[in-house]
């Protein structure tokens, strides 16, 4: 059976944590940053129920 290829777009967006979860950054942070709060620089952990929908 052939190996499953990694989805390269997902590999660039998500990082695996030590406990087996995945973390991601906040979206919409490319331009017009003067109006956005500093609290958007938080790294989020993907919920386990959403991990089933996300294609890694």
PDB file of N, CA and C in Angstrom:
ATOM      1  N   UNK A   1       0.846  -1.171   0.000  1.00  0.00           N
ATOM      2  CA  UNK A   1       0.000   0.000   0.000  1.00  0.00           C
ATOM      3  C   UNK A   1       0.903   1.249   0.000  1.00  0.00           C
ATOM      4  N   UNK A   2       0.619   2.222  -0.863  1.00  0.00           N
ATOM      5  CA  UNK A   2       1.478   3.415  -0.907  1.00  0.00           C
ATOM      6  C   UNK A   2       1.254   4.322   0.301  1.00  0.00           C
ATOM      7  N   UNK A   3       2.273   5.099   0.603  1.00  0.00           N
ATOM      8  CA  UNK A   3       2.169   6.032   1.719  1.00  0.00           C
ATOM      9  C   UNK A   3       1.288   7.210   1.324  1.00  0.00           C
ATOM     10  N   UNK A   4       0.577   7.768   2.294  1.00  0.00           N
ATOM     11  CA  UNK A   4      -0.279   8.920   2.046  1.00  0.00           C
ATOM     12  C   UNK A   4       0.576  10.173   2.064  1.00  0.00           C
ATOM     13  N   UNK A   5       0.432  10.999   1.037  1.00  0.00           N
ATOM     14  CA  UNK A   5       1.207  12.234   0.971  1.00  0.00           C
ATOM     15  C   UNK A   5       0.652  13.261   1.948  1.00  0.00           C
ATOM     16  N   UNK A   6       1.528  14.063   2.498  1.00  0.00           N
ATOM     17  CA  UNK A   6       1.131  15.140   3.394  1.00  0.00           C
ATOM     18  C   UNK A   6       0.544  16.278   2.564  1.00  0.00           C
ATOM     19  N   UNK A   7      -0.541  16.859   3.021  1.00  0.00           N
ATOM     20  CA  UNK A   7      -1.114  18.034   2.364  1.00  0.00           C
ATOM     21  C   UNK A   7      -0.187  19.204   2.668  1.00  0.00           C
ATOM     22  N   UNK A   8       0.501  19.724   1.661  1.00  0.00           N
ATOM     23  CA  UNK A   8       1.555  20.711   1.879  1.00  0.00           C
ATOM     24  C   UNK A   8       1.017  22.031   2.419  1.00  0.00           C
ATOM     25  N   UNK A   9      -0.205  22.412   2.035  1.00  0.00           N
ATOM     26  CA  UNK A   9      -0.788  23.636   2.576  1.00  0.00           C
ATOM     27  C   UNK A   9      -1.051  23.520   4.066  1.00  0.00           C
ATOM     28  N   UNK A  10      -1.471  22.352   4.513  1.00  0.00           N
ATOM     29  CA  UNK A  10      -1.715  22.127   5.937  1.00  0.00           C
ATOM     30  C   UNK A  10      -0.397  22.029   6.702  1.00  0.00           C
ATOM     31  N   UNK A  11       0.622  21.475   6.081  1.00  0.00           N
ATOM     32  CA  UNK A  11       1.916  21.344   6.750  1.00  0.00           C
ATOM     33  C   UNK A  11       2.531  22.706   7.037  1.00  0.00           C
ATOM     34  N   UNK A  12       2.226  23.697   6.209  1.00  0.00           N
ATOM     35  CA  UNK A  12       2.751  25.045   6.424  1.00  0.00           C
ATOM     36  C   UNK A  12       1.935  25.832   7.452  1.00  0.00           C
ATOM     37  N   UNK A  13       0.698  25.430   7.696  1.00  0.00           N
ATOM     38  CA  UNK A  13      -0.182  26.188   8.586  1.00  0.00           C
ATOM     39  C   UNK A  13      -0.247  25.641  10.006  1.00  0.00           C
ATOM     40  N   UNK A  14      -0.048  24.346  10.183  1.00  0.00           N
ATOM     41  CA  UNK A  14      -0.227  23.717  11.479  1.00  0.00           C
ATOM     42  C   UNK A  14       1.085  23.124  11.968  1.00  0.00           C
ATOM     43  N   UNK A  15       1.300  23.163  13.287  1.00  0.00           N
ATOM     44  CA  UNK A  15       2.452  22.530  13.916  1.00  0.00           C
ATOM     45  C   UNK A  15       1.933  21.572  14.982  1.00  0.00           C
ATOM     46  N   UNK A  16       2.608  20.464  15.135  1.00  0.00           N
ATOM     47  CA  UNK A  16       2.191  19.462  16.107  1.00  0.00           C
ATOM     48  C   UNK A  16       2.782  19.790  17.478  1.00  0.00           C
ATOM     49  N   UNK A  17       1.958  19.660  18.524  1.00  0.00           N
ATOM     50  CA  UNK A  17       2.414  19.915  19.883  1.00  0.00           C
ATOM     51  C   UNK A  17       2.960  18.628  20.494  1.00  0.00           C
ATOM     52  N   UNK A  18       3.583  18.764  21.649  1.00  0.00           N
ATOM     53  CA  UNK A  18       4.165  17.597  22.316  1.00  0.00           C
ATOM     54  C   UNK A  18       3.099  16.618  22.793  1.00  0.00           C
ATOM     55  N   UNK A  19       1.905  17.127  23.102  1.00  0.00           N
ATOM     56  CA  UNK A  19       0.842  16.256  23.596  1.00  0.00           C
ATOM     57  C   UNK A  19       0.036  15.612  22.472  1.00  0.00           C
ATOM     58  N   UNK A  20       0.402  15.885  21.219  1.00  0.00           N
ATOM     59  CA  UNK A  20      -0.294  15.252  20.101  1.00  0.00           C
ATOM     60  C   UNK A  20      -1.322  16.133  19.437  1.00  0.00           C
ATOM     61  N   UNK A  21      -1.553  17.334  19.961  1.00  0.00           N
ATOM     62  CA  UNK A  21      -2.504  18.241  19.349  1.00  0.00           C
ATOM     63  C   UNK A  21      -1.854  19.035  18.224  1.00  0.00           C
ATOM     64  N   UNK A  22      -2.601  19.979  17.669  1.00  0.00           N
ATOM     65  CA  UNK A  22      -2.080  20.834  16.621  1.00  0.00           C
ATOM     66  C   UNK A  22      -2.347  22.275  16.992  1.00  0.00           C
ATOM     67  N   UNK A  23      -1.421  23.148  16.646  1.00  0.00           N
ATOM     68  CA  UNK A  23      -1.603  24.567  16.918  1.00  0.00           C
ATOM     69  C   UNK A  23      -1.570  25.339  15.606  1.00  0.00           C
ATOM     70  N   UNK A  24      -2.234  26.499  15.616  1.00  0.00           N
ATOM     71  CA  UNK A  24      -2.322  27.336  14.425  1.00  0.00           C
ATOM     72  C   UNK A  24      -2.273  28.787  14.840  1.00  0.00           C
ATOM     73  N   UNK A  25      -2.024  29.676  13.890  1.00  0.00           N
ATOM     74  CA  UNK A  25      -2.004  31.100  14.160  1.00  0.00           C
ATOM     75  C   UNK A  25      -3.321  31.734  13.736  1.00  0.00           C
ATOM     76  N   UNK A  26      -3.570  32.937  14.216  1.00  0.00           N
ATOM     77  CA  UNK A  26      -4.754  33.710  13.868  1.00  0.00           C
ATOM     78  C   UNK A  26      -4.689  34.108  12.398  1.00  0.00           C
ATOM     79  N   UNK A  27      -5.808  34.085  11.723  1.00  0.00           N
ATOM     80  CA  UNK A  27      -5.858  34.481  10.321  1.00  0.00           C
ATOM     81  C   UNK A  27      -6.082  35.994  10.193  1.00  0.00           C
ATOM     82  N   UNK A  28      -6.054  36.484   8.995  1.00  0.00           N
ATOM     83  CA  UNK A  28      -6.309  37.901   8.643  1.00  0.00           C
ATOM     84  C   UNK A  28      -5.256  38.841   9.226  1.00  0.00           C
ATOM     85  N   UNK A  29      -3.992  38.457   9.206  1.00  0.00           N
ATOM     86  CA  UNK A  29      -2.939  39.303   9.767  1.00  0.00           C
ATOM     87  C   UNK A  29      -1.887  39.661   8.722  1.00  0.00           C
ATOM     88  N   UNK A  30      -2.307  39.983   7.514  1.00  0.00           N
ATOM     89  CA  UNK A  30      -1.356  40.303   6.463  1.00  0.00           C
ATOM     90  C   UNK A  30      -1.249  41.804   6.203  1.00  0.00           C
ATOM     91  N   UNK A  31      -2.341  42.533   6.331  1.00  0.00           N
ATOM     92  CA  UNK A  31      -2.299  43.974   6.098  1.00  0.00           C
ATOM     93  C   UNK A  31      -3.406  44.638   6.901  1.00  0.00           C
ATOM     94  N   UNK A  32      -3.417  45.959   6.921  1.00  0.00           N
ATOM     95  CA  UNK A  32      -4.334  46.778   7.728  1.00  0.00           C
ATOM     96  C   UNK A  32      -4.243  46.343   9.203  1.00  0.00           C
ATOM     97  N   UNK A  33      -3.043  46.331   9.724  1.00  0.00           N
ATOM     98  CA  UNK A  33      -2.831  45.857  11.087  1.00  0.00           C
ATOM     99  C   UNK A  33      -3.030  46.954  12.125  1.00  0.00           C
ATOM    100  N   UNK A  34      -3.167  48.209  11.686  1.00  0.00           N
ATOM    101  CA  UNK A  34      -3.312  49.297  12.648  1.00  0.00           C
ATOM    102  C   UNK A  34      -4.648  49.242  13.371  1.00  0.00           C
ATOM    103  N   UNK A  35      -5.656  48.691  12.730  1.00  0.00           N
ATOM    104  CA  UNK A  35      -6.984  48.622  13.337  1.00  0.00           C
ATOM    105  C   UNK A  35      -7.158  47.382  14.211  1.00  0.00           C
ATOM    106  N   UNK A  36      -6.238  46.462  14.120  1.00  0.00           N
ATOM    107  CA  UNK A  36      -6.411  45.189  14.810  1.00  0.00           C
ATOM    108  C   UNK A  36      -5.715  45.206  16.161  1.00  0.00           C
ATOM    109  N   UNK A  37      -6.292  44.496  17.105  1.00  0.00           N
ATOM    110  CA  UNK A  37      -5.775  44.492  18.474  1.00  0.00           C
ATOM    111  C   UNK A  37      -4.553  43.600  18.591  1.00  0.00           C
ATOM    112  N   UNK A  38      -3.797  43.817  19.648  1.00  0.00           N
ATOM    113  CA  UNK A  38      -2.615  43.002  19.878  1.00  0.00           C
ATOM    114  C   UNK A  38      -2.973  41.587  20.329  1.00  0.00           C
ATOM    115  N   UNK A  39      -4.206  41.376  20.743  1.00  0.00           N
ATOM    116  CA  UNK A  39      -4.602  40.069  21.241  1.00  0.00           C
ATOM    117  C   UNK A  39      -4.746  39.037  20.125  1.00  0.00           C
ATOM    118  N   UNK A  40      -4.590  39.444  18.867  1.00  0.00           N
ATOM    119  CA  UNK A  40      -4.705  38.478  17.777  1.00  0.00           C
ATOM    120  C   UNK A  40      -3.415  37.705  17.580  1.00  0.00           C
ATOM    121  N   UNK A  41      -2.344  38.055  18.297  1.00  0.00           N
ATOM    122  CA  UNK A  41      -1.075  37.353  18.169  1.00  0.00           C
ATOM    123  C   UNK A  41      -1.020  36.117  19.071  1.00  0.00           C
ATOM    124  N   UNK A  42      -2.140  35.465  19.244  1.00  0.00           N
ATOM    125  CA  UNK A  42      -2.245  34.290  20.100  1.00  0.00           C
ATOM    126  C   UNK A  42      -2.149  33.051  19.214  1.00  0.00           C
ATOM    127  N   UNK A  43      -1.467  32.016  19.693  1.00  0.00           N
ATOM    128  CA  UNK A  43      -1.416  30.748  18.979  1.00  0.00           C
ATOM    129  C   UNK A  43      -2.525  29.857  19.547  1.00  0.00           C
ATOM    130  N   UNK A  44      -3.391  29.405  18.677  1.00  0.00           N
ATOM    131  CA  UNK A  44      -4.547  28.609  19.081  1.00  0.00           C
ATOM    132  C   UNK A  44      -4.248  27.125  18.951  1.00  0.00           C
ATOM    133  N   UNK A  45      -4.880  26.328  19.807  1.00  0.00           N
ATOM    134  CA  UNK A  45      -4.810  24.871  19.716  1.00  0.00           C
ATOM    135  C   UNK A  45      -6.101  24.402  19.081  1.00  0.00           C
ATOM    136  N   UNK A  46      -5.992  23.535  18.097  1.00  0.00           N
ATOM    137  CA  UNK A  46      -7.168  23.034  17.391  1.00  0.00           C
ATOM    138  C   UNK A  46      -7.903  22.049  18.294  1.00  0.00           C
ATOM    139  N   UNK A  47      -9.212  22.212  18.401  1.00  0.00           N
ATOM    140  CA  UNK A  47     -10.028  21.340  19.231  1.00  0.00           C
ATOM    141  C   UNK A  47     -10.048  19.913  18.671  1.00  0.00           C
ATOM    142  N   UNK A  48     -10.162  18.919  19.539  1.00  0.00           N
ATOM    143  CA  UNK A  48     -10.174  17.526  19.054  1.00  0.00           C
ATOM    144  C   UNK A  48     -11.326  17.223  18.102  1.00  0.00           C
ATOM    145  N   UNK A  49     -12.487  17.823  18.307  1.00  0.00           N
ATOM    146  CA  UNK A  49     -13.609  17.541  17.418  1.00  0.00           C
ATOM    147  C   UNK A  49     -13.394  18.176  16.043  1.00  0.00           C
ATOM    148  N   UNK A  50     -12.603  19.228  15.961  1.00  0.00           N
ATOM    149  CA  UNK A  50     -12.323  19.860  14.674  1.00  0.00           C
ATOM    150  C   UNK A  50     -11.182  19.152  13.948  1.00  0.00           C
ATOM    151  N   UNK A  51     -10.367  18.400  14.686  1.00  0.00           N
ATOM    152  CA  UNK A  51      -9.241  17.695  14.080  1.00  0.00           C
ATOM    153  C   UNK A  51      -9.711  16.655  13.069  1.00  0.00           C
ATOM    154  N   UNK A  52     -10.903  16.096  13.289  1.00  0.00           N
ATOM    155  CA  UNK A  52     -11.420  15.099  12.355  1.00  0.00           C
ATOM    156  C   UNK A  52     -11.765  15.724  11.011  1.00  0.00           C
ATOM    157  N   UNK A  53     -12.163  16.999  11.011  1.00  0.00           N
ATOM    158  CA  UNK A  53     -12.534  17.678   9.774  1.00  0.00           C
ATOM    159  C   UNK A  53     -11.316  18.223   9.035  1.00  0.00           C
ATOM    160  N   UNK A  54     -10.242  18.517   9.767  1.00  0.00           N
ATOM    161  CA  UNK A  54      -9.069  19.125   9.176  1.00  0.00           C
ATOM    162  C   UNK A  54      -8.233  18.068   8.484  1.00  0.00           C
ATOM    163  N   UNK A  55      -7.820  18.357   7.264  1.00  0.00           N
ATOM    164  CA  UNK A  55      -7.063  17.391   6.485  1.00  0.00           C
ATOM    165  C   UNK A  55      -5.578  17.678   6.652  1.00  0.00           C
ATOM    166  N   UNK A  56      -4.875  16.820   7.366  1.00  0.00           N
ATOM    167  CA  UNK A  56      -3.440  16.980   7.574  1.00  0.00           C
ATOM    168  C   UNK A  56      -2.717  16.083   6.612  1.00  0.00           C
TER     169      UNK A  56
END
